[in-house]
Amino acid sequence: EVGFYPTTSIIDGVRSGSAAFHPFWDW
């Protein structure tokens, strides 16, 4: 539907739960 899944960064592909994950959303 939207081309991404919130648990995977659209910037660098890092999955949430990883120390390297950074939120990519605005709100």
mmCIF file of all heavy atoms, coordinates in Angstrom:
data_MODEL
# 
_entry.id   MODEL 
# 
loop_
_atom_site.group_PDB 
_atom_site.id 
_atom_site.type_symbol 
_atom_site.label_atom_id 
_atom_site.label_alt_id 
_atom_site.label_comp_id 
_atom_site.label_asym_id 
_atom_site.label_entity_id 
_atom_site.label_seq_id 
_atom_site.pdbx_PDB_ins_code 
_atom_site.Cartn_x 
_atom_site.Cartn_y 
_atom_site.Cartn_z 
_atom_site.occupancy 
_atom_site.B_iso_or_equiv 
_atom_site.pdbx_formal_charge 
_atom_site.auth_seq_id 
_atom_site.auth_comp_id 
_atom_site.auth_asym_id 
_atom_site.auth_atom_id 
_atom_site.pdbx_PDB_model_num 
ATOM 1   N N   . GLU A 1 1  ? 0.801  -1.228 0.000  1.00 0.00 ? 1  GLU A N   1 
ATOM 2   C CA  . GLU A 1 1  ? 0.000  0.000  0.000  1.00 0.00 ? 1  GLU A CA  1 
ATOM 3   C C   . GLU A 1 1  ? 0.830  1.273  0.000  1.00 0.00 ? 1  GLU A C   1 
ATOM 4   O O   . GLU A 1 1  ? 0.495  2.222  -0.696 1.00 0.00 ? 1  GLU A O   1 
ATOM 5   C CB  . GLU A 1 1  ? -0.954 0.013  1.193  1.00 0.00 ? 1  GLU A CB  1 
ATOM 6   C CG  . GLU A 1 1  ? -2.117 -0.914 1.059  1.00 0.00 ? 1  GLU A CG  1 
ATOM 7   C CD  . GLU A 1 1  ? -3.048 -0.567 -0.091 1.00 0.00 ? 1  GLU A CD  1 
ATOM 8   O OE1 . GLU A 1 1  ? -3.341 0.631  -0.318 1.00 0.00 ? 1  GLU A OE1 1 
ATOM 9   O OE2 . GLU A 1 1  ? -3.496 -1.498 -0.776 1.00 0.00 ? 1  GLU A OE2 1 
ATOM 10  N N   . VAL A 1 2  ? 1.885  1.325  0.821  1.00 0.00 ? 2  VAL A N   1 
ATOM 11  C CA  . VAL A 1 2  ? 2.617  2.581  0.980  1.00 0.00 ? 2  VAL A CA  1 
ATOM 12  C C   . VAL A 1 2  ? 4.092  2.508  0.581  1.00 0.00 ? 2  VAL A C   1 
ATOM 13  O O   . VAL A 1 2  ? 4.781  3.525  0.581  1.00 0.00 ? 2  VAL A O   1 
ATOM 14  C CB  . VAL A 1 2  ? 2.477  3.140  2.417  1.00 0.00 ? 2  VAL A CB  1 
ATOM 15  C CG1 . VAL A 1 2  ? 1.034  3.498  2.708  1.00 0.00 ? 2  VAL A CG1 1 
ATOM 16  C CG2 . VAL A 1 2  ? 3.025  2.181  3.463  1.00 0.00 ? 2  VAL A CG2 1 
ATOM 17  N N   . GLY A 1 3  ? 4.588  1.310  0.281  1.00 0.00 ? 3  GLY A N   1 
ATOM 18  C CA  . GLY A 1 3  ? 5.959  1.189  -0.197 1.00 0.00 ? 3  GLY A CA  1 
ATOM 19  C C   . GLY A 1 3  ? 7.020  1.028  0.877  1.00 0.00 ? 3  GLY A C   1 
ATOM 20  O O   . GLY A 1 3  ? 8.208  0.994  0.572  1.00 0.00 ? 3  GLY A O   1 
ATOM 21  N N   . PHE A 1 4  ? 6.611  0.931  2.138  1.00 0.00 ? 4  PHE A N   1 
ATOM 22  C CA  . PHE A 1 4  ? 7.562  0.723  3.227  1.00 0.00 ? 4  PHE A CA  1 
ATOM 23  C C   . PHE A 1 4  ? 6.847  0.053  4.387  1.00 0.00 ? 4  PHE A C   1 
ATOM 24  O O   . PHE A 1 4  ? 5.621  -0.011 4.420  1.00 0.00 ? 4  PHE A O   1 
ATOM 25  C CB  . PHE A 1 4  ? 8.197  2.047  3.691  1.00 0.00 ? 4  PHE A CB  1 
ATOM 26  C CG  . PHE A 1 4  ? 7.220  3.019  4.302  1.00 0.00 ? 4  PHE A CG  1 
ATOM 27  C CD1 . PHE A 1 4  ? 6.966  3.023  5.664  1.00 0.00 ? 4  PHE A CD1 1 
ATOM 28  C CD2 . PHE A 1 4  ? 6.558  3.947  3.507  1.00 0.00 ? 4  PHE A CD2 1 
ATOM 29  C CE1 . PHE A 1 4  ? 6.058  3.909  6.224  1.00 0.00 ? 4  PHE A CE1 1 
ATOM 30  C CE2 . PHE A 1 4  ? 5.649  4.841  4.060  1.00 0.00 ? 4  PHE A CE2 1 
ATOM 31  C CZ  . PHE A 1 4  ? 5.398  4.826  5.423  1.00 0.00 ? 4  PHE A CZ  1 
ATOM 32  N N   . TYR A 1 5  ? 7.660  -0.448 5.334  1.00 0.00 ? 5  TYR A N   1 
ATOM 33  C CA  . TYR A 1 5  ? 7.117  -1.007 6.567  1.00 0.00 ? 5  TYR A CA  1 
ATOM 34  C C   . TYR A 1 5  ? 7.797  -0.288 7.719  1.00 0.00 ? 5  TYR A C   1 
ATOM 35  O O   . TYR A 1 5  ? 9.032  -0.159 7.726  1.00 0.00 ? 5  TYR A O   1 
ATOM 36  C CB  . TYR A 1 5  ? 7.361  -2.519 6.648  1.00 0.00 ? 5  TYR A CB  1 
ATOM 37  C CG  . TYR A 1 5  ? 6.576  -3.178 7.747  1.00 0.00 ? 5  TYR A CG  1 
ATOM 38  C CD1 . TYR A 1 5  ? 5.192  -3.199 7.719  1.00 0.00 ? 5  TYR A CD1 1 
ATOM 39  C CD2 . TYR A 1 5  ? 7.208  -3.744 8.847  1.00 0.00 ? 5  TYR A CD2 1 
ATOM 40  C CE1 . TYR A 1 5  ? 4.454  -3.786 8.734  1.00 0.00 ? 5  TYR A CE1 1 
ATOM 41  C CE2 . TYR A 1 5  ? 6.482  -4.334 9.867  1.00 0.00 ? 5  TYR A CE2 1 
ATOM 42  C CZ  . TYR A 1 5  ? 5.101  -4.344 9.797  1.00 0.00 ? 5  TYR A CZ  1 
ATOM 43  O OH  . TYR A 1 5  ? 4.366  -4.910 10.814 1.00 0.00 ? 5  TYR A OH  1 
ATOM 44  N N   . PRO A 1 6  ? 7.050  0.215  8.675  1.00 0.00 ? 6  PRO A N   1 
ATOM 45  C CA  . PRO A 1 6  ? 7.618  1.092  9.705  1.00 0.00 ? 6  PRO A CA  1 
ATOM 46  C C   . PRO A 1 6  ? 8.764  0.522  10.529 1.00 0.00 ? 6  PRO A C   1 
ATOM 47  O O   . PRO A 1 6  ? 9.547  1.281  11.088 1.00 0.00 ? 6  PRO A O   1 
ATOM 48  C CB  . PRO A 1 6  ? 6.423  1.398  10.613 1.00 0.00 ? 6  PRO A CB  1 
ATOM 49  C CG  . PRO A 1 6  ? 5.237  1.244  9.732  1.00 0.00 ? 6  PRO A CG  1 
ATOM 50  C CD  . PRO A 1 6  ? 5.589  0.119  8.792  1.00 0.00 ? 6  PRO A CD  1 
ATOM 51  N N   . THR A 1 7  ? 8.902  -0.789 10.615 1.00 0.00 ? 7  THR A N   1 
ATOM 52  C CA  . THR A 1 7  ? 9.982  -1.347 11.424 1.00 0.00 ? 7  THR A CA  1 
ATOM 53  C C   . THR A 1 7  ? 11.310 -1.403 10.679 1.00 0.00 ? 7  THR A C   1 
ATOM 54  O O   . THR A 1 7  ? 12.320 -1.792 11.260 1.00 0.00 ? 7  THR A O   1 
ATOM 55  C CB  . THR A 1 7  ? 9.639  -2.761 11.943 1.00 0.00 ? 7  THR A CB  1 
ATOM 56  O OG1 . THR A 1 7  ? 9.479  -3.636 10.833 1.00 0.00 ? 7  THR A OG1 1 
ATOM 57  C CG2 . THR A 1 7  ? 8.391  -2.745 12.810 1.00 0.00 ? 7  THR A CG2 1 
ATOM 58  N N   . THR A 1 8  ? 11.312 -1.000 9.420  1.00 0.00 ? 8  THR A N   1 
ATOM 59  C CA  . THR A 1 8  ? 12.545 -0.971 8.628  1.00 0.00 ? 8  THR A CA  1 
ATOM 60  C C   . THR A 1 8  ? 12.758 0.448  8.125  1.00 0.00 ? 8  THR A C   1 
ATOM 61  O O   . THR A 1 8  ? 11.892 1.012  7.458  1.00 0.00 ? 8  THR A O   1 
ATOM 62  C CB  . THR A 1 8  ? 12.461 -1.936 7.430  1.00 0.00 ? 8  THR A CB  1 
ATOM 63  O OG1 . THR A 1 8  ? 12.178 -3.250 7.914  1.00 0.00 ? 8  THR A OG1 1 
ATOM 64  C CG2 . THR A 1 8  ? 13.751 -1.948 6.645  1.00 0.00 ? 8  THR A CG2 1 
ATOM 65  N N   . SER A 1 9  ? 13.896 1.031  8.445  1.00 0.00 ? 9  SER A N   1 
ATOM 66  C CA  . SER A 1 9  ? 14.177 2.407  8.053  1.00 0.00 ? 9  SER A CA  1 
ATOM 67  C C   . SER A 1 9  ? 14.189 2.546  6.535  1.00 0.00 ? 9  SER A C   1 
ATOM 68  O O   . SER A 1 9  ? 14.850 1.779  5.835  1.00 0.00 ? 9  SER A O   1 
ATOM 69  C CB  . SER A 1 9  ? 15.535 2.847  8.608  1.00 0.00 ? 9  SER A CB  1 
ATOM 70  O OG  . SER A 1 9  ? 15.878 4.122  8.088  1.00 0.00 ? 9  SER A OG  1 
ATOM 71  N N   . ILE A 1 10 ? 13.457 3.532  6.043  1.00 0.00 ? 10 ILE A N   1 
ATOM 72  C CA  . ILE A 1 10 ? 13.454 3.798  4.602  1.00 0.00 ? 10 ILE A CA  1 
ATOM 73  C C   . ILE A 1 10 ? 14.736 4.505  4.172  1.00 0.00 ? 10 ILE A C   1 
ATOM 74  O O   . ILE A 1 10 ? 15.019 4.602  2.992  1.00 0.00 ? 10 ILE A O   1 
ATOM 75  C CB  . ILE A 1 10 ? 12.212 4.617  4.162  1.00 0.00 ? 10 ILE A CB  1 
ATOM 76  C CG1 . ILE A 1 10 ? 12.134 5.950  4.904  1.00 0.00 ? 10 ILE A CG1 1 
ATOM 77  C CG2 . ILE A 1 10 ? 10.945 3.813  4.372  1.00 0.00 ? 10 ILE A CG2 1 
ATOM 78  C CD1 . ILE A 1 10 ? 10.994 6.854  4.463  1.00 0.00 ? 10 ILE A CD1 1 
ATOM 79  N N   . ILE A 1 11 ? 15.523 4.933  5.135  1.00 0.00 ? 11 ILE A N   1 
ATOM 80  C CA  . ILE A 1 11 ? 16.767 5.637  4.835  1.00 0.00 ? 11 ILE A CA  1 
ATOM 81  C C   . ILE A 1 11 ? 17.918 4.657  4.614  1.00 0.00 ? 11 ILE A C   1 
ATOM 82  O O   . ILE A 1 11 ? 18.641 4.755  3.630  1.00 0.00 ? 11 ILE A O   1 
ATOM 83  C CB  . ILE A 1 11 ? 17.113 6.634  5.963  1.00 0.00 ? 11 ILE A CB  1 
ATOM 84  C CG1 . ILE A 1 11 ? 15.998 7.687  6.052  1.00 0.00 ? 11 ILE A CG1 1 
ATOM 85  C CG2 . ILE A 1 11 ? 18.476 7.284  5.741  1.00 0.00 ? 11 ILE A CG2 1 
ATOM 86  C CD1 . ILE A 1 11 ? 16.010 8.518  7.297  1.00 0.00 ? 11 ILE A CD1 1 
ATOM 87  N N   . ASP A 1 12 ? 18.071 3.683  5.521  1.00 0.00 ? 12 ASP A N   1 
ATOM 88  C CA  . ASP A 1 12 ? 19.227 2.792  5.425  1.00 0.00 ? 12 ASP A CA  1 
ATOM 89  C C   . ASP A 1 12 ? 18.900 1.301  5.541  1.00 0.00 ? 12 ASP A C   1 
ATOM 90  O O   . ASP A 1 12 ? 19.787 0.467  5.526  1.00 0.00 ? 12 ASP A O   1 
ATOM 91  C CB  . ASP A 1 12 ? 20.280 3.166  6.460  1.00 0.00 ? 12 ASP A CB  1 
ATOM 92  C CG  . ASP A 1 12 ? 19.740 3.167  7.882  1.00 0.00 ? 12 ASP A CG  1 
ATOM 93  O OD1 . ASP A 1 12 ? 18.656 2.578  8.132  1.00 0.00 ? 12 ASP A OD1 1 
ATOM 94  O OD2 . ASP A 1 12 ? 20.391 3.768  8.761  1.00 0.00 ? 12 ASP A OD2 1 
ATOM 95  N N   . GLY A 1 13 ? 17.606 0.953  5.668  1.00 0.00 ? 13 GLY A N   1 
ATOM 96  C CA  . GLY A 1 13 ? 17.201 -0.442 5.708  1.00 0.00 ? 13 GLY A CA  1 
ATOM 97  C C   . GLY A 1 13 ? 17.420 -1.149 7.029  1.00 0.00 ? 13 GLY A C   1 
ATOM 98  O O   . GLY A 1 13 ? 17.188 -2.354 7.137  1.00 0.00 ? 13 GLY A O   1 
ATOM 99  N N   . VAL A 1 14 ? 17.844 -0.439 8.058  1.00 0.00 ? 14 VAL A N   1 
ATOM 100 C CA  . VAL A 1 14 ? 18.080 -1.043 9.369  1.00 0.00 ? 14 VAL A CA  1 
ATOM 101 C C   . VAL A 1 14 ? 16.734 -1.313 10.039 1.00 0.00 ? 14 VAL A C   1 
ATOM 102 O O   . VAL A 1 14 ? 15.831 -0.484 10.006 1.00 0.00 ? 14 VAL A O   1 
ATOM 103 C CB  . VAL A 1 14 ? 18.963 -0.122 10.251 1.00 0.00 ? 14 VAL A CB  1 
ATOM 104 C CG1 . VAL A 1 14 ? 19.088 -0.677 11.659 1.00 0.00 ? 14 VAL A CG1 1 
ATOM 105 C CG2 . VAL A 1 14 ? 20.326 0.076  9.619  1.00 0.00 ? 14 VAL A CG2 1 
ATOM 106 N N   . ARG A 1 15 ? 16.600 -2.490 10.643 1.00 0.00 ? 15 ARG A N   1 
ATOM 107 C CA  . ARG A 1 15 ? 15.366 -2.891 11.324 1.00 0.00 ? 15 ARG A CA  1 
ATOM 108 C C   . ARG A 1 15 ? 15.349 -2.355 12.756 1.00 0.00 ? 15 ARG A C   1 
ATOM 109 O O   . ARG A 1 15 ? 16.388 -2.258 13.393 1.00 0.00 ? 15 ARG A O   1 
ATOM 110 C CB  . ARG A 1 15 ? 15.223 -4.408 11.361 1.00 0.00 ? 15 ARG A CB  1 
ATOM 111 C CG  . ARG A 1 15 ? 15.155 -5.085 10.018 1.00 0.00 ? 15 ARG A CG  1 
ATOM 112 C CD  . ARG A 1 15 ? 13.865 -5.433 9.456  1.00 0.00 ? 15 ARG A CD  1 
ATOM 113 N NE  . ARG A 1 15 ? 12.854 -6.053 10.272 1.00 0.00 ? 15 ARG A NE  1 
ATOM 114 C CZ  . ARG A 1 15 ? 11.639 -6.263 9.816  1.00 0.00 ? 15 ARG A CZ  1 
ATOM 115 N NH1 . ARG A 1 15 ? 11.322 -5.922 8.585  1.00 0.00 ? 15 ARG A NH1 1 
ATOM 116 N NH2 . ARG A 1 15 ? 10.730 -6.825 10.573 1.00 0.00 ? 15 ARG A NH2 1 
ATOM 117 N N   . SER A 1 16 ? 14.140 -2.053 13.228 1.00 0.00 ? 16 SER A N   1 
ATOM 118 C CA  . SER A 1 16 ? 14.003 -1.624 14.620 1.00 0.00 ? 16 SER A CA  1 
ATOM 119 C C   . SER A 1 16 ? 14.465 -2.752 15.530 1.00 0.00 ? 16 SER A C   1 
ATOM 120 O O   . SER A 1 16 ? 14.423 -3.919 15.176 1.00 0.00 ? 16 SER A O   1 
ATOM 121 C CB  . SER A 1 16 ? 12.566 -1.238 14.931 1.00 0.00 ? 16 SER A CB  1 
ATOM 122 O OG  . SER A 1 16 ? 11.718 -2.355 14.847 1.00 0.00 ? 16 SER A OG  1 
ATOM 123 N N   . GLY A 1 17 ? 14.920 -2.382 16.702 1.00 0.00 ? 17 GLY A N   1 
ATOM 124 C CA  . GLY A 1 17 ? 15.501 -3.348 17.629 1.00 0.00 ? 17 GLY A CA  1 
ATOM 125 C C   . GLY A 1 17 ? 17.009 -3.356 17.550 1.00 0.00 ? 17 GLY A C   1 
ATOM 126 O O   . GLY A 1 17 ? 17.679 -3.761 18.491 1.00 0.00 ? 17 GLY A O   1 
ATOM 127 N N   . SER A 1 18 ? 17.559 -2.890 16.425 1.00 0.00 ? 18 SER A N   1 
ATOM 128 C CA  . SER A 1 18 ? 19.004 -2.789 16.259 1.00 0.00 ? 18 SER A CA  1 
ATOM 129 C C   . SER A 1 18 ? 19.481 -1.478 16.879 1.00 0.00 ? 18 SER A C   1 
ATOM 130 O O   . SER A 1 18 ? 18.787 -0.459 16.817 1.00 0.00 ? 18 SER A O   1 
ATOM 131 C CB  . SER A 1 18 ? 19.356 -2.800 14.767 1.00 0.00 ? 18 SER A CB  1 
ATOM 132 O OG  . SER A 1 18 ? 20.688 -2.369 14.564 1.00 0.00 ? 18 SER A OG  1 
ATOM 133 N N   . ALA A 1 19 ? 20.664 -1.486 17.445 1.00 0.00 ? 19 ALA A N   1 
ATOM 134 C CA  . ALA A 1 19 ? 21.240 -0.262 18.000 1.00 0.00 ? 19 ALA A CA  1 
ATOM 135 C C   . ALA A 1 19 ? 21.449 0.795  16.918 1.00 0.00 ? 19 ALA A C   1 
ATOM 136 O O   . ALA A 1 19 ? 21.492 1.985  17.203 1.00 0.00 ? 19 ALA A O   1 
ATOM 137 C CB  . ALA A 1 19 ? 22.562 -0.573 18.696 1.00 0.00 ? 19 ALA A CB  1 
ATOM 138 N N   . ALA A 1 20 ? 21.553 0.364  15.664 1.00 0.00 ? 20 ALA A N   1 
ATOM 139 C CA  . ALA A 1 20 ? 21.772 1.293  14.555 1.00 0.00 ? 20 ALA A CA  1 
ATOM 140 C C   . ALA A 1 20 ? 20.477 1.873  13.986 1.00 0.00 ? 20 ALA A C   1 
ATOM 141 O O   . ALA A 1 20 ? 20.519 2.716  13.101 1.00 0.00 ? 20 ALA A O   1 
ATOM 142 C CB  . ALA A 1 20 ? 22.547 0.574  13.441 1.00 0.00 ? 20 ALA A CB  1 
ATOM 143 N N   . PHE A 1 21 ? 19.323 1.437  14.511 1.00 0.00 ? 21 PHE A N   1 
ATOM 144 C CA  . PHE A 1 21 ? 18.039 1.935  13.999 1.00 0.00 ? 21 PHE A CA  1 
ATOM 145 C C   . PHE A 1 21 ? 17.793 3.365  14.466 1.00 0.00 ? 21 PHE A C   1 
ATOM 146 O O   . PHE A 1 21 ? 17.973 3.690  15.637 1.00 0.00 ? 21 PHE A O   1 
ATOM 147 C CB  . PHE A 1 21 ? 16.884 1.050  14.477 1.00 0.00 ? 21 PHE A CB  1 
ATOM 148 C CG  . PHE A 1 21 ? 15.541 1.504  13.996 1.00 0.00 ? 21 PHE A CG  1 
ATOM 149 C CD1 . PHE A 1 21 ? 15.114 1.216  12.706 1.00 0.00 ? 21 PHE A CD1 1 
ATOM 150 C CD2 . PHE A 1 21 ? 14.686 2.238  14.819 1.00 0.00 ? 21 PHE A CD2 1 
ATOM 151 C CE1 . PHE A 1 21 ? 13.872 1.631  12.251 1.00 0.00 ? 21 PHE A CE1 1 
ATOM 152 C CE2 . PHE A 1 21 ? 13.443 2.654  14.377 1.00 0.00 ? 21 PHE A CE2 1 
ATOM 153 C CZ  . PHE A 1 21 ? 13.035 2.348  13.089 1.00 0.00 ? 21 PHE A CZ  1 
ATOM 154 N N   . HIS A 1 22 ? 17.383 4.206  13.515 1.00 0.00 ? 22 HIS A N   1 
ATOM 155 C CA  . HIS A 1 22 ? 17.006 5.589  13.814 1.00 0.00 ? 22 HIS A CA  1 
ATOM 156 C C   . HIS A 1 22 ? 15.616 5.835  13.252 1.00 0.00 ? 22 HIS A C   1 
ATOM 157 O O   . HIS A 1 22 ? 15.367 5.532  12.075 1.00 0.00 ? 22 HIS A O   1 
ATOM 158 C CB  . HIS A 1 22 ? 17.999 6.579  13.203 1.00 0.00 ? 22 HIS A CB  1 
ATOM 159 C CG  . HIS A 1 22 ? 19.384 6.439  13.750 1.00 0.00 ? 22 HIS A CG  1 
ATOM 160 N ND1 . HIS A 1 22 ? 19.729 6.851  15.011 1.00 0.00 ? 22 HIS A ND1 1 
ATOM 161 C CD2 . HIS A 1 22 ? 20.509 5.921  13.206 1.00 0.00 ? 22 HIS A CD2 1 
ATOM 162 C CE1 . HIS A 1 22 ? 21.004 6.594  15.225 1.00 0.00 ? 22 HIS A CE1 1 
ATOM 163 N NE2 . HIS A 1 22 ? 21.497 6.022  14.150 1.00 0.00 ? 22 HIS A NE2 1 
ATOM 164 N N   . PRO A 1 23 ? 14.708 6.376  14.053 1.00 0.00 ? 23 PRO A N   1 
ATOM 165 C CA  . PRO A 1 23 ? 13.363 6.675  13.559 1.00 0.00 ? 23 PRO A CA  1 
ATOM 166 C C   . PRO A 1 23 ? 13.419 7.570  12.318 1.00 0.00 ? 23 PRO A C   1 
ATOM 167 O O   . PRO A 1 23 ? 14.212 8.508  12.266 1.00 0.00 ? 23 PRO A O   1 
ATOM 168 C CB  . PRO A 1 23 ? 12.714 7.400  14.738 1.00 0.00 ? 23 PRO A CB  1 
ATOM 169 C CG  . PRO A 1 23 ? 13.451 6.899  15.942 1.00 0.00 ? 23 PRO A CG  1 
ATOM 170 C CD  . PRO A 1 23 ? 14.869 6.718  15.465 1.00 0.00 ? 23 PRO A CD  1 
ATOM 171 N N   . PHE A 1 24 ? 12.593 7.267  11.347 1.00 0.00 ? 24 PHE A N   1 
ATOM 172 C CA  . PHE A 1 24 ? 12.593 8.014  10.087 1.00 0.00 ? 24 PHE A CA  1 
ATOM 173 C C   . PHE A 1 24 ? 11.311 8.807  9.871  1.00 0.00 ? 24 PHE A C   1 
ATOM 174 O O   . PHE A 1 24 ? 11.204 9.579  8.933  1.00 0.00 ? 24 PHE A O   1 
ATOM 175 C CB  . PHE A 1 24 ? 12.824 7.062  8.903  1.00 0.00 ? 24 PHE A CB  1 
ATOM 176 C CG  . PHE A 1 24 ? 11.744 6.018  8.770  1.00 0.00 ? 24 PHE A CG  1 
ATOM 177 C CD1 . PHE A 1 24 ? 10.606 6.264  8.015  1.00 0.00 ? 24 PHE A CD1 1 
ATOM 178 C CD2 . PHE A 1 24 ? 11.870 4.788  9.407  1.00 0.00 ? 24 PHE A CD2 1 
ATOM 179 C CE1 . PHE A 1 24 ? 9.610  5.303  7.905  1.00 0.00 ? 24 PHE A CE1 1 
ATOM 180 C CE2 . PHE A 1 24 ? 10.883 3.829  9.301  1.00 0.00 ? 24 PHE A CE2 1 
ATOM 181 C CZ  . PHE A 1 24 ? 9.750  4.086  8.546  1.00 0.00 ? 24 PHE A CZ  1 
ATOM 182 N N   . TRP A 1 25 ? 10.337 8.614  10.722 1.00 0.00 ? 25 TRP A N   1 
ATOM 183 C CA  . TRP A 1 25 ? 9.058  9.284  10.558 1.00 0.00 ? 25 TRP A CA  1 
ATOM 184 C C   . TRP A 1 25 ? 9.137  10.680 11.165 1.00 0.00 ? 25 TRP A C   1 
ATOM 185 O O   . TRP A 1 25 ? 10.049 11.029 11.901 1.00 0.00 ? 25 TRP A O   1 
ATOM 186 C CB  . TRP A 1 25 ? 7.948  8.465  11.211 1.00 0.00 ? 25 TRP A CB  1 
ATOM 187 C CG  . TRP A 1 25 ? 8.274  8.101  12.627 1.00 0.00 ? 25 TRP A CG  1 
ATOM 188 C CD1 . TRP A 1 25 ? 8.090  8.857  13.740 1.00 0.00 ? 25 TRP A CD1 1 
ATOM 189 C CD2 . TRP A 1 25 ? 8.902  6.898  13.064 1.00 0.00 ? 25 TRP A CD2 1 
ATOM 190 N NE1 . TRP A 1 25 ? 8.554  8.209  14.852 1.00 0.00 ? 25 TRP A NE1 1 
ATOM 191 C CE2 . TRP A 1 25 ? 9.061  6.996  14.470 1.00 0.00 ? 25 TRP A CE2 1 
ATOM 192 C CE3 . TRP A 1 25 ? 9.343  5.746  12.419 1.00 0.00 ? 25 TRP A CE3 1 
ATOM 193 C CZ2 . TRP A 1 25 ? 9.644  5.988  15.224 1.00 0.00 ? 25 TRP A CZ2 1 
ATOM 194 C CZ3 . TRP A 1 25 ? 9.914  4.748  13.178 1.00 0.00 ? 25 TRP A CZ3 1 
ATOM 195 C CH2 . TRP A 1 25 ? 10.063 4.865  14.559 1.00 0.00 ? 25 TRP A CH2 1 
ATOM 196 N N   . ASP A 1 26 ? 8.117  11.482 10.847 1.00 0.00 ? 26 ASP A N   1 
ATOM 197 C CA  . ASP A 1 26 ? 8.073  12.855 11.334 1.00 0.00 ? 26 ASP A CA  1 
ATOM 198 C C   . ASP A 1 26 ? 7.301  12.990 12.637 1.00 0.00 ? 26 ASP A C   1 
ATOM 199 O O   . ASP A 1 26 ? 7.520  13.939 13.398 1.00 0.00 ? 26 ASP A O   1 
ATOM 200 C CB  . ASP A 1 26 ? 7.440  13.760 10.266 1.00 0.00 ? 26 ASP A CB  1 
ATOM 201 C CG  . ASP A 1 26 ? 8.244  13.724 8.990  1.00 0.00 ? 26 ASP A CG  1 
ATOM 202 O OD1 . ASP A 1 26 ? 9.334  14.296 8.983  1.00 0.00 ? 26 ASP A OD1 1 
ATOM 203 O OD2 . ASP A 1 26 ? 7.800  13.078 8.009  1.00 0.00 ? 26 ASP A OD2 1 
ATOM 204 N N   . TRP A 1 27 ? 6.403  12.049 12.889 1.00 0.00 ? 27 TRP A N   1 
ATOM 205 C CA  . TRP A 1 27 ? 5.538  12.149 14.066 1.00 0.00 ? 27 TRP A CA  1 
ATOM 206 C C   . TRP A 1 27 ? 5.056  10.756 14.411 1.00 0.00 ? 27 TRP A C   1 
ATOM 207 O O   . TRP A 1 27 ? 4.667  9.991  13.526 1.00 0.00 ? 27 TRP A O   1 
ATOM 208 C CB  . TRP A 1 27 ? 4.365  13.052 13.719 1.00 0.00 ? 27 TRP A CB  1 
ATOM 209 C CG  . TRP A 1 27 ? 3.327  13.216 14.781 1.00 0.00 ? 27 TRP A CG  1 
ATOM 210 C CD1 . TRP A 1 27 ? 2.101  12.602 14.833 1.00 0.00 ? 27 TRP A CD1 1 
ATOM 211 C CD2 . TRP A 1 27 ? 3.382  14.045 15.935 1.00 0.00 ? 27 TRP A CD2 1 
ATOM 212 N NE1 . TRP A 1 27 ? 1.413  13.000 15.952 1.00 0.00 ? 27 TRP A NE1 1 
ATOM 213 C CE2 . TRP A 1 27 ? 2.184  13.897 16.645 1.00 0.00 ? 27 TRP A CE2 1 
ATOM 214 C CE3 . TRP A 1 27 ? 4.355  14.902 16.441 1.00 0.00 ? 27 TRP A CE3 1 
ATOM 215 C CZ2 . TRP A 1 27 ? 1.921  14.558 17.826 1.00 0.00 ? 27 TRP A CZ2 1 
ATOM 216 C CZ3 . TRP A 1 27 ? 4.092  15.567 17.617 1.00 0.00 ? 27 TRP A CZ3 1 
ATOM 217 C CH2 . TRP A 1 27 ? 2.882  15.400 18.290 1.00 0.00 ? 27 TRP A CH2 1 
# 
